[in-house]
PDB file of N, CA and C in Angstrom:
ATOM      1  N   MET A   1    -154.855  52.247 172.204  1.00  0.00           N
ATOM      2  CA  MET A   1    -155.236  50.853 172.258  1.00  0.00           C
ATOM      3  C   MET A   1    -154.982  50.320 173.654  1.00  0.00           C
ATOM      4  N   GLY A   2    -155.707  49.260 173.963  1.00  0.00           N
ATOM      5  CA  GLY A   2    -155.531  48.640 175.255  1.00  0.00           C
ATOM      6  C   GLY A   2    -154.353  47.684 175.271  1.00  0.00           C
ATOM      7  N   GLU A   3    -154.137  47.095 176.421  1.00  0.00           N
ATOM      8  CA  GLU A   3    -153.028  46.154 176.590  1.00  0.00           C
ATOM      9  C   GLU A   3    -153.520  44.727 176.347  1.00  0.00           C
ATOM     10  N   LYS A   4    -152.780  43.989 175.547  1.00  0.00           N
ATOM     11  CA  LYS A   4    -153.147  42.607 175.232  1.00  0.00           C
ATOM     12  C   LYS A   4    -153.043  41.755 176.485  1.00  0.00           C
ATOM     13  N   ILE A   5    -154.107  41.015 176.790  1.00  0.00           N
ATOM     14  CA  ILE A   5    -154.136  40.091 177.920  1.00  0.00           C
ATOM     15  C   ILE A   5    -153.650  38.722 177.474  1.00  0.00           C
ATOM     16  N   ARG A   6    -154.268  38.207 176.384  1.00  0.00           N
ATOM     17  CA  ARG A   6    -153.846  36.904 175.860  1.00  0.00           C
ATOM     18  C   ARG A   6    -154.460  36.649 174.496  1.00  0.00           C
ATOM     19  N   ASP A   7    -153.872  35.696 173.764  1.00  0.00           N
ATOM     20  CA  ASP A   7    -154.427  35.238 172.499  1.00  0.00           C
ATOM     21  C   ASP A   7    -155.578  34.294 172.794  1.00  0.00           C
ATOM     22  N   LEU A   8    -156.688  34.475 172.094  1.00  0.00           N
ATOM     23  CA  LEU A   8    -157.826  33.573 172.239  1.00  0.00           C
ATOM     24  C   LEU A   8    -157.816  32.491 171.166  1.00  0.00           C
ATOM     25  N   ALA A   9    -157.422  32.873 169.949  1.00  0.00           N
ATOM     26  CA  ALA A   9    -157.398  31.898 168.856  1.00  0.00           C
ATOM     27  C   ALA A   9    -156.560  32.424 167.705  1.00  0.00           C
ATOM     28  N   LYS A  10    -156.060  31.498 166.919  1.00  0.00           N
ATOM     29  CA  LYS A  10    -155.403  31.812 165.657  1.00  0.00           C
ATOM     30  C   LYS A  10    -156.029  30.900 164.623  1.00  0.00           C
ATOM     31  N   LEU A  11    -156.433  31.467 163.489  1.00  0.00           N
ATOM     32  CA  LEU A  11    -157.032  30.655 162.449  1.00  0.00           C
ATOM     33  C   LEU A  11    -156.567  31.117 161.089  1.00  0.00           C
ATOM     34  N   GLN A  12    -156.807  30.305 160.111  1.00  0.00           N
ATOM     35  CA  GLN A  12    -156.372  30.566 158.751  1.00  0.00           C
ATOM     36  C   GLN A  12    -157.609  30.664 157.863  1.00  0.00           C
ATOM     37  N   LEU A  13    -157.805  31.821 157.225  1.00  0.00           N
ATOM     38  CA  LEU A  13    -158.877  32.009 156.252  1.00  0.00           C
ATOM     39  C   LEU A  13    -158.229  32.099 154.884  1.00  0.00           C
ATOM     40  N   ARG A  14    -158.304  31.005 154.161  1.00  0.00           N
ATOM     41  CA  ARG A  14    -157.594  30.857 152.889  1.00  0.00           C
ATOM     42  C   ARG A  14    -156.111  31.116 153.096  1.00  0.00           C
ATOM     43  N   ASP A  15    -155.560  32.147 152.495  1.00  0.00           N
ATOM     44  CA  ASP A  15    -154.128  32.428 152.643  1.00  0.00           C
ATOM     45  C   ASP A  15    -153.853  33.517 153.681  1.00  0.00           C
ATOM     46  N   MET A  16    -154.851  33.805 154.530  1.00  0.00           N
ATOM     47  CA  MET A  16    -154.747  34.924 155.447  1.00  0.00           C
ATOM     48  C   MET A  16    -154.847  34.458 156.905  1.00  0.00           C
ATOM     49  N   PRO A  17    -153.767  34.575 157.687  1.00  0.00           N
ATOM     50  CA  PRO A  17    -153.854  34.247 159.105  1.00  0.00           C
ATOM     51  C   PRO A  17    -154.640  35.324 159.850  1.00  0.00           C
ATOM     52  N   VAL A  18    -155.466  34.895 160.813  1.00  0.00           N
ATOM     53  CA  VAL A  18    -156.272  35.825 161.614  1.00  0.00           C
ATOM     54  C   VAL A  18    -156.036  35.507 163.083  1.00  0.00           C
ATOM     55  N   HIS A  19    -155.820  36.548 163.885  1.00  0.00           N
ATOM     56  CA  HIS A  19    -155.593  36.406 165.319  1.00  0.00           C
ATOM     57  C   HIS A  19    -156.768  37.006 166.067  1.00  0.00           C
ATOM     58  N   ILE A  20    -157.208  36.321 167.104  1.00  0.00           N
ATOM     59  CA  ILE A  20    -158.260  36.841 167.979  1.00  0.00           C
ATOM     60  C   ILE A  20    -157.630  37.005 169.354  1.00  0.00           C
ATOM     61  N   GLU A  21    -157.666  38.252 169.863  1.00  0.00           N
ATOM     62  CA  GLU A  21    -156.993  38.577 171.123  1.00  0.00           C
ATOM     63  C   GLU A  21    -157.959  39.211 172.112  1.00  0.00           C
ATOM     64  N   LEU A  22    -157.720  38.947 173.382  1.00  0.00           N
ATOM     65  CA  LEU A  22    -158.419  39.628 174.461  1.00  0.00           C
ATOM     66  C   LEU A  22    -157.538  40.777 174.925  1.00  0.00           C
ATOM     67  N   ASN A  23    -158.108  41.976 174.973  1.00  0.00           N
ATOM     68  CA  ASN A  23    -157.358  43.171 175.366  1.00  0.00           C
ATOM     69  C   ASN A  23    -158.059  43.878 176.522  1.00  0.00           C
ATOM     70  N   ALA A  24    -157.272  44.432 177.410  1.00  0.00           N
ATOM     71  CA  ALA A  24    -157.806  45.217 178.524  1.00  0.00           C
ATOM     72  C   ALA A  24    -157.951  46.654 178.064  1.00  0.00           C
ATOM     73  N   GLY A  25    -159.154  47.174 178.129  1.00  0.00           N
ATOM     74  CA  GLY A  25    -159.384  48.563 177.762  1.00  0.00           C
ATOM     75  C   GLY A  25    -159.230  48.825 176.285  1.00  0.00           C
ATOM     76  N   SER A  26    -159.464  50.056 175.905  1.00  0.00           N
ATOM     77  CA  SER A  26    -159.293  50.489 174.518  1.00  0.00           C
ATOM     78  C   SER A  26    -158.949  51.968 174.538  1.00  0.00           C
ATOM     79  N   ALA A  27    -158.851  52.545 173.389  1.00  0.00           N
ATOM     80  CA  ALA A  27    -158.544  53.974 173.305  1.00  0.00           C
ATOM     81  C   ALA A  27    -159.673  54.818 173.886  1.00  0.00           C
ATOM     82  N   TYR A  28    -160.884  54.266 173.912  1.00  0.00           N
ATOM     83  CA  TYR A  28    -162.051  55.038 174.345  1.00  0.00           C
ATOM     84  C   TYR A  28    -162.553  54.667 175.734  1.00  0.00           C
ATOM     85  N   HIS A  29    -162.451  53.396 176.092  1.00  0.00           N
ATOM     86  CA  HIS A  29    -162.990  52.923 177.372  1.00  0.00           C
ATOM     87  C   HIS A  29    -161.951  52.044 178.068  1.00  0.00           C
ATOM     88  N   SER A  30    -161.268  52.584 179.037  1.00  0.00           N
ATOM     89  CA  SER A  30    -160.200  51.834 179.694  1.00  0.00           C
ATOM     90  C   SER A  30    -160.716  50.848 180.735  1.00  0.00           C
ATOM     91  N   ASP A  31    -162.017  50.889 181.046  1.00  0.00           N
ATOM     92  CA  ASP A  31    -162.551  50.030 182.095  1.00  0.00           C
ATOM     93  C   ASP A  31    -163.173  48.734 181.576  1.00  0.00           C
ATOM     94  N   SER A  32    -163.143  48.489 180.279  1.00  0.00           N
ATOM     95  CA  SER A  32    -163.762  47.299 179.702  1.00  0.00           C
ATOM     96  C   SER A  32    -162.730  46.469 178.958  1.00  0.00           C
ATOM     97  N   ASN A  33    -163.046  45.192 178.755  1.00  0.00           N
ATOM     98  CA  ASN A  33    -162.209  44.336 177.923  1.00  0.00           C
ATOM     99  C   ASN A  33    -162.760  44.330 176.506  1.00  0.00           C
ATOM    100  N   TYR A  34    -161.863  44.205 175.552  1.00  0.00           N
ATOM    101  CA  TYR A  34    -162.245  44.196 174.156  1.00  0.00           C
ATOM    102  C   TYR A  34    -161.585  43.037 173.437  1.00  0.00           C
ATOM    103  N   ILE A  35    -162.240  42.600 172.381  1.00  0.00           N
ATOM    104  CA  ILE A  35    -161.735  41.529 171.534  1.00  0.00           C
ATOM    105  C   ILE A  35    -161.229  42.167 170.249  1.00  0.00           C
ATOM    106  N   HIS A  36    -160.007  41.832 169.844  1.00  0.00           N
ATOM    107  CA  HIS A  36    -159.462  42.281 168.566  1.00  0.00           C
ATOM    108  C   HIS A  36    -159.386  41.079 167.636  1.00  0.00           C
ATOM    109  N   ILE A  37    -160.015  41.214 166.481  1.00  0.00           N
ATOM    110  CA  ILE A  37    -159.900  40.234 165.410  1.00  0.00           C
ATOM    111  C   ILE A  37    -159.056  40.935 164.356  1.00  0.00           C
ATOM    112  N   GLN A  38    -157.850  40.396 164.100  1.00  0.00           N
ATOM    113  CA  GLN A  38    -156.928  41.164 163.274  1.00  0.00           C
ATOM    114  C   GLN A  38    -155.936  40.304 162.523  1.00  0.00           C
ATOM    115  N   ASN A  39    -155.356  40.925 161.514  1.00  0.00           N
ATOM    116  CA  ASN A  39    -154.205  40.383 160.800  1.00  0.00           C
ATOM    117  C   ASN A  39    -153.458  41.566 160.183  1.00  0.00           C
ATOM    118  N   ASP A  40    -152.600  41.318 159.214  1.00  0.00           N
ATOM    119  CA  ASP A  40    -151.811  42.395 158.615  1.00  0.00           C
ATOM    120  C   ASP A  40    -152.657  43.357 157.783  1.00  0.00           C
ATOM    121  N   ARG A  41    -153.851  42.924 157.370  1.00  0.00           N
ATOM    122  CA  ARG A  41    -154.682  43.742 156.478  1.00  0.00           C
ATOM    123  C   ARG A  41    -155.808  44.489 157.172  1.00  0.00           C
ATOM    124  N   PHE A  42    -156.285  43.980 158.297  1.00  0.00           N
ATOM    125  CA  PHE A  42    -157.392  44.646 158.984  1.00  0.00           C
ATOM    126  C   PHE A  42    -157.351  44.391 160.483  1.00  0.00           C
ATOM    127  N   ARG A  43    -158.133  45.202 161.205  1.00  0.00           N
ATOM    128  CA  ARG A  43    -158.270  45.042 162.650  1.00  0.00           C
ATOM    129  C   ARG A  43    -159.674  45.460 163.031  1.00  0.00           C
ATOM    130  N   LEU A  44    -160.380  44.596 163.734  1.00  0.00           N
ATOM    131  CA  LEU A  44    -161.739  44.869 164.197  1.00  0.00           C
ATOM    132  C   LEU A  44    -161.749  44.795 165.712  1.00  0.00           C
ATOM    133  N   GLU A  45    -162.193  45.868 166.360  1.00  0.00           N
ATOM    134  CA  GLU A  45    -162.277  45.893 167.815  1.00  0.00           C
ATOM    135  C   GLU A  45    -163.733  45.771 168.219  1.00  0.00           C
ATOM    136  N   LEU A  46    -164.028  44.804 169.089  1.00  0.00           N
ATOM    137  CA  LEU A  46    -165.389  44.551 169.559  1.00  0.00           C
ATOM    138  C   LEU A  46    -165.413  44.517 171.077  1.00  0.00           C
ATOM    139  N   SER A  47    -166.492  45.006 171.652  1.00  0.00           N
ATOM    140  CA  SER A  47    -166.676  44.839 173.093  1.00  0.00           C
ATOM    141  C   SER A  47    -166.978  43.365 173.354  1.00  0.00           C
ATOM    142  N   ASP A  48    -166.903  42.960 174.608  1.00  0.00           N
ATOM    143  CA  ASP A  48    -167.254  41.572 174.961  1.00  0.00           C
ATOM    144  C   ASP A  48    -168.650  41.230 174.450  1.00  0.00           C
ATOM    145  N   ARG A  49    -169.572  42.144 174.665  1.00  0.00           N
ATOM    146  CA  ARG A  49    -170.971  41.918 174.259  1.00  0.00           C
ATOM    147  C   ARG A  49    -171.109  41.798 172.739  1.00  0.00           C
ATOM    148  N   GLU A  50    -170.462  42.683 172.000  1.00  0.00           N
ATOM    149  CA  GLU A  50    -170.525  42.622 170.534  1.00  0.00           C
ATOM    150  C   GLU A  50    -169.932  41.315 170.016  1.00  0.00           C
ATOM    151  N   TYR A  51    -168.818  40.897 170.602  1.00  0.00           N
ATOM    152  CA  TYR A  51    -168.177  39.645 170.182  1.00  0.00           C
ATOM    153  C   TYR A  51    -169.107  38.451 170.418  1.00  0.00           C
ATOM    154  N   LEU A  52    -169.748  38.409 171.572  1.00  0.00           N
ATOM    155  CA  LEU A  52    -170.664  37.310 171.868  1.00  0.00           C
ATOM    156  C   LEU A  52    -171.861  37.318 170.924  1.00  0.00           C
ATOM    157  N   GLN A  53    -172.376  38.492 170.596  1.00  0.00           N
ATOM    158  CA  GLN A  53    -173.499  38.569 169.650  1.00  0.00           C
ATOM    159  C   GLN A  53    -173.104  38.024 168.283  1.00  0.00           C
ATOM    160  N   ILE A  54    -171.921  38.373 167.815  1.00  0.00           N
ATOM    161  CA  ILE A  54    -171.451  37.869 166.527  1.00  0.00           C
ATOM    162  C   ILE A  54    -171.213  36.367 166.588  1.00  0.00           C
ATOM    163  N   ALA A  55    -170.608  35.897 167.672  1.00  0.00           N
ATOM    164  CA  ALA A  55    -170.333  34.463 167.806  1.00  0.00           C
ATOM    165  C   ALA A  55    -171.627  33.651 167.795  1.00  0.00           C
ATOM    166  N   VAL A  56    -172.643  34.120 168.496  1.00  0.00           N
ATOM    167  CA  VAL A  56    -173.934  33.417 168.526  1.00  0.00           C
ATOM    168  C   VAL A  56    -174.577  33.444 167.142  1.00  0.00           C
ATOM    169  N   ALA A  57    -174.500  34.571 166.455  1.00  0.00           N
ATOM    170  CA  ALA A  57    -175.080  34.677 165.110  1.00  0.00           C
ATOM    171  C   ALA A  57    -174.380  33.751 164.124  1.00  0.00           C
ATOM    172  N   VAL A  58    -173.053  33.674 164.193  1.00  0.00           N
ATOM    173  CA  VAL A  58    -172.300  32.786 163.294  1.00  0.00           C
ATOM    174  C   VAL A  58    -172.656  31.325 163.580  1.00  0.00           C
ATOM    175  N   ARG A  59    -172.747  30.978 164.856  1.00  0.00           N
ATOM    176  CA  ARG A  59    -173.104  29.593 165.221  1.00  0.00           C
ATOM    177  C   ARG A  59    -174.506  29.242 164.731  1.00  0.00           C
ATOM    178  N   ALA A  60    -175.455  30.162 164.907  1.00  0.00           N
ATOM    179  CA  ALA A  60    -176.832  29.917 164.444  1.00  0.00           C
ATOM    180  C   ALA A  60    -176.874  29.770 162.926  1.00  0.00           C
ATOM    181  N   ALA A  61    -176.108  30.598 162.216  1.00  0.00           N
ATOM    182  CA  ALA A  61    -176.056  30.508 160.755  1.00  0.00           C
ATOM    183  C   ALA A  61    -175.472  29.169 160.310  1.00  0.00           C
ATOM    184  N   ALA A  62    -174.417  28.716 160.993  1.00  0.00           N
ATOM    185  CA  ALA A  62    -173.802  27.427 160.659  1.00  0.00           C
ATOM    186  C   ALA A  62    -174.794  26.285 160.875  1.00  0.00           C
ATOM    187  N   ASP A  63    -175.524  26.327 161.994  1.00  0.00           N
ATOM    188  CA  ASP A  63    -176.515  25.290 162.264  1.00  0.00           C
ATOM    189  C   ASP A  63    -177.617  25.285 161.202  1.00  0.00           C
ATOM    190  N   LYS A  64    -178.061  26.467 160.782  1.00  0.00           N
ATOM    191  CA  LYS A  64    -179.110  26.562 159.761  1.00  0.00           C
ATOM    192  C   LYS A  64    -178.643  26.011 158.425  1.00  0.00           C
ATOM    193  N   ILE A  65    -177.428  26.362 158.016  1.00  0.00           N
ATOM    194  CA  ILE A  65    -176.960  25.882 156.713  1.00  0.00           C
ATOM    195  C   ILE A  65    -176.719  24.380 156.731  1.00  0.00           C
ATOM    196  N   LYS A  66    -176.254  23.857 157.855  1.00  0.00           N
ATOM    197  CA  LYS A  66    -176.078  22.397 157.957  1.00  0.00           C
ATOM    198  C   LYS A  66    -177.415  21.692 157.810  1.00  0.00           C
ATOM    199  N   LYS A  67    -178.446  22.238 158.455  1.00  0.00           N
ATOM    200  CA  LYS A  67    -179.785  21.641 158.357  1.00  0.00           C
ATOM    201  C   LYS A  67    -180.313  21.774 156.928  1.00  0.00           C
ATOM    202  N   TYR A  68    -180.164  22.953 156.336  1.00  0.00           N
ATOM    203  CA  TYR A  68    -180.642  23.210 154.994  1.00  0.00           C
ATOM    204  C   TYR A  68    -179.960  22.310 153.973  1.00  0.00           C
ATOM    205  N   LYS A  69    -178.662  22.153 154.100  1.00  0.00           N
ATOM    206  CA  LYS A  69    -177.878  21.347 153.156  1.00  0.00           C
ATOM    207  C   LYS A  69    -177.859  19.869 153.542  1.00  0.00           C
ATOM    208  N   GLU A  70    -178.510  19.552 154.660  1.00  0.00           N
ATOM    209  CA  GLU A  70    -178.541  18.187 155.175  1.00  0.00           C
ATOM    210  C   GLU A  70    -177.146  17.623 155.377  1.00  0.00           C
ATOM    211  N   LEU A  71    -176.288  18.418 156.025  1.00  0.00           N
ATOM    212  CA  LEU A  71    -174.926  18.011 156.322  1.00  0.00           C
ATOM    213  C   LEU A  71    -174.852  17.450 157.738  1.00  0.00           C
ATOM    214  N   ASP A  72    -173.880  16.574 157.972  1.00  0.00           N
ATOM    215  CA  ASP A  72    -173.700  16.070 159.334  1.00  0.00           C
ATOM    216  C   ASP A  72    -172.884  17.092 160.143  1.00  0.00           C
ATOM    217  N   ASP A  73    -172.729  16.864 161.428  1.00  0.00           N
ATOM    218  CA  ASP A  73    -172.058  17.809 162.305  1.00  0.00           C
ATOM    219  C   ASP A  73    -170.566  17.936 162.032  1.00  0.00           C
ATOM    220  N   ASP A  74    -169.963  17.003 161.330  1.00  0.00           N
ATOM    221  CA  ASP A  74    -168.525  17.057 161.043  1.00  0.00           C
ATOM    222  C   ASP A  74    -168.200  17.942 159.839  1.00  0.00           C
ATOM    223  N   ALA A  75    -169.219  18.381 159.104  1.00  0.00           N
ATOM    224  CA  ALA A  75    -168.982  19.192 157.888  1.00  0.00           C
ATOM    225  C   ALA A  75    -168.678  20.628 158.231  1.00  0.00           C
TER     226      ALA A  75
END
């Protein structure tokens, strides 16, 4: 595993805390930064590019459901 650079976010999904960390390198590629989304039950390692693709997809999905459900931006 790579070396942790810093915490990006901490969030709570129901009763499960989730940490998002920026890490330098990984077990396979020491020249890139990786994002770890993890807690006591799981760990997901993503490249910078993969993380951004997921973040954009989640944001687009949230915007679509808000429009579909006719929710305001605070929902």
